[in-house]
Every structure is written in C-alpha cells, then in structure tokens.
Amino acid sequence: MSEVKPFVAVVDDDESVSRAIKRLLRSIGLASDTFKTGDDFLDMFESIPSYRPACIVLDVQMPGLNGLEVQQRLAGSGIPVVFITAHDEAGVRKQALAAGAVAYLRKPFDDEVLIKAVRTAIILGQKT
C-alpha cells in the first residue's frame, strides 16, 4: 500500500497569491489545492472525510468566513495552520497564535520563510 503524499490546502481570495503559493510549493515537491474562500475549503473538508491536508495556508481576510473563523472550525482536527495576511493587526495575530497557528506571515512574505513555516507545520501535523 502506498503512502499518501502530504498536500497543502491554500485558502486565499486573491487568485494571484494562491497561484504563486501553489507554484512555490510545487517547487519543493508539495502538491496543493487552492480555495477562494474559507467556506469552499470547509465544504470540501466536511463533505469528504478522507480529505485531510497536511497543512493549511490561510488568509485572514476573505469574503464569508474569515481565517480566524475557519481556524476555529478546524479546532481539534490536528491540521496545522499557517496564516498569511496583508493586514497585520496585533490583536488578530495574538488570537491566531493563541489558537495554535504555526506561523502568522505578512504579505508580501519571503518565500523561504513561508516554505520553512509550511515544512514545520507538516512535521507538527504528523505528530498528532
């Protein structure tokens, strides 16, 4: 039986950001799925029990559910979250990290920092 390769879910309403992250992850050998909203991701996550990304890269501000609300809905799932945001507010950062986010990165982010955060998140997720 072959082991399922880890993949990352990228949730961001900015398609250019999602595409850039998808390319970056592909460059280090990771597959990814992209979603425009937290609602779209949660629909997939909740309707297909076997759908389990190794990590989720999650925008904070999106139409519908925001990133913090998606993080709350994932509580207890063991899926690590890496936040990305264009609007870095100290209170939001503190709330995200207190709820267990692996990283909270401001856009535009450094590619190497995002890669390191995703790799760390995947390792942490494998321990749960």
Protein backbone atom coordinates (compact mmCIF):
# COMPACT_ATOMS: atom_id res chain seq x y z
CA MET A 1 0.00 0.00 0.00
CA SER A 2 1.50 3.34 -0.99
CA GLU A 3 1.67 6.19 1.47
CA VAL A 4 -0.36 9.25 0.56
CA LYS A 5 1.90 12.21 -0.19
CA PRO A 6 1.24 15.23 2.01
CA PHE A 7 -0.52 18.13 0.34
CA VAL A 8 -1.30 21.66 1.42
CA ALA A 9 -4.62 23.50 1.19
CA VAL A 10 -4.21 27.15 0.22
CA VAL A 11 -7.19 29.37 1.07
CA ASP A 12 -6.96 32.93 -0.27
CA ASP A 13 -9.45 35.05 -2.20
CA ASP A 14 -6.60 36.60 -4.22
CA GLU A 15 -6.03 34.17 -7.10
CA SER A 16 -2.57 35.56 -7.89
CA VAL A 17 -1.45 34.83 -4.32
CA SER A 18 -2.91 31.32 -4.47
CA ARG A 19 -1.18 30.62 -7.79
CA ALA A 20 2.15 31.93 -6.50
CA ILE A 21 1.96 29.77 -3.36
CA LYS A 22 0.93 26.73 -5.41
CA ARG A 23 3.98 27.22 -7.69
CA LEU A 24 6.26 27.75 -4.70
CA LEU A 25 5.03 24.57 -3.01
CA ARG A 26 5.37 22.61 -6.26
CA SER A 27 8.99 23.79 -6.49
CA ILE A 28 9.74 21.94 -3.22
CA GLY A 29 7.77 18.85 -4.20
CA LEU A 30 4.49 19.54 -2.42
CA ALA A 31 1.09 19.30 -4.04
CA SER A 32 -1.59 21.81 -3.12
CA ASP A 33 -5.27 22.53 -3.58
CA THR A 34 -6.48 26.12 -3.73
CA PHE A 35 -9.74 27.57 -2.47
CA LYS A 36 -11.11 31.11 -2.90
CA THR A 37 -12.98 31.17 0.41
CA GLY A 38 -12.94 29.53 3.79
CA ASP A 39 -16.46 28.32 3.07
CA ASP A 40 -15.24 26.50 -0.08
CA PHE A 41 -12.48 24.79 1.88
CA LEU A 42 -14.77 23.78 4.74
CA ASP A 43 -17.36 22.41 2.29
CA MET A 44 -14.69 20.07 0.90
CA PHE A 45 -13.26 19.25 4.33
CA GLU A 46 -16.63 18.48 5.89
CA SER A 47 -18.15 16.58 2.96
CA ILE A 48 -15.22 14.23 2.26
CA PRO A 49 -13.95 12.55 5.44
CA SER A 50 -10.74 11.38 3.73
CA TYR A 51 -9.84 14.94 2.65
CA ARG A 52 -7.08 15.84 5.06
CA PRO A 53 -4.38 18.32 4.06
CA ALA A 54 -1.08 18.13 5.93
CA CYS A 55 -1.31 21.88 6.48
CA ILE A 56 -3.49 24.82 5.53
CA VAL A 57 -2.14 28.19 4.38
CA LEU A 58 -4.95 30.54 5.30
CA ASP A 59 -5.62 34.19 4.51
CA VAL A 60 -7.04 36.20 7.39
CA GLN A 61 -9.42 38.49 5.49
CA MET A 62 -11.73 36.86 2.95
CA PRO A 63 -15.37 37.09 1.91
CA GLY A 64 -17.63 34.89 4.02
CA LEU A 65 -15.83 33.20 6.89
CA ASN A 66 -12.55 34.90 7.76
CA GLY A 67 -9.38 32.97 8.51
CA LEU A 68 -9.86 33.03 12.28
CA GLU A 69 -13.36 31.58 11.90
CA VAL A 70 -12.02 28.80 9.66
CA GLN A 71 -9.29 28.11 12.23
CA GLN A 72 -11.96 27.82 14.94
CA ARG A 73 -13.97 25.37 12.81
CA LEU A 74 -10.81 23.25 12.35
CA ALA A 75 -10.09 23.14 16.10
CA GLY A 76 -9.45 19.58 17.18
CA SER A 77 -8.75 18.36 13.63
CA GLY A 78 -4.99 18.34 14.14
CA ILE A 79 -4.45 20.24 10.87
CA PRO A 80 -1.79 22.91 11.40
CA VAL A 81 -2.50 26.44 10.14
CA VAL A 82 -0.10 28.99 8.64
CA PHE A 83 -1.74 32.40 8.35
CA ILE A 84 -0.91 34.94 5.67
CA THR A 85 -2.32 38.46 5.68
CA ALA A 86 -1.98 41.87 4.11
CA HIS A 87 -3.44 43.50 7.23
CA ASP A 88 -1.27 42.67 10.21
CA GLU A 89 -3.14 43.64 13.36
CA ALA A 90 -1.57 42.77 16.71
CA GLY A 91 -4.86 41.56 18.22
CA VAL A 92 -5.60 39.27 15.29
CA ARG A 93 -2.02 37.93 15.28
CA LYS A 94 -2.25 37.23 19.03
CA GLN A 95 -5.62 35.48 18.65
CA ALA A 96 -4.40 33.31 15.74
CA LEU A 97 -1.21 32.24 17.51
CA ALA A 98 -3.03 31.65 20.82
CA ALA A 99 -5.42 29.32 18.96
CA GLY A 100 -2.45 27.27 17.74
CA ALA A 101 -1.34 28.75 14.42
CA VAL A 102 2.17 27.63 13.48
CA ALA A 103 3.01 30.97 11.85
CA TYR A 104 1.47 34.35 11.03
CA LEU A 105 3.10 35.94 8.00
CA ARG A 106 2.53 39.37 6.49
CA LYS A 107 2.07 39.71 2.72
CA PRO A 108 4.21 40.06 0.77
CA PHE A 109 6.03 37.25 2.55
CA ASP A 110 9.50 35.90 1.93
CA ASP A 111 9.32 32.60 0.01
CA GLU A 112 11.89 30.91 2.25
CA VAL A 113 10.02 31.94 5.40
CA LEU A 114 6.76 30.51 4.01
CA ILE A 115 8.49 27.27 2.99
CA LYS A 116 10.01 26.91 6.45
CA ALA A 117 6.63 27.58 8.10
CA VAL A 118 4.86 25.02 5.89
CA ARG A 119 7.54 22.38 6.49
CA THR A 120 7.35 22.99 10.25
CA ALA A 121 3.55 22.78 10.14
CA ILE A 122 3.63 19.48 8.24
CA ILE A 123 6.07 17.99 10.76
CA LEU A 124 3.90 19.16 13.66
CA GLY A 125 0.78 17.79 11.96
CA GLN A 126 2.38 14.36 11.53
CA LYS A 127 2.90 14.17 15.30
CA THR A 128 -0.82 14.48 16.03
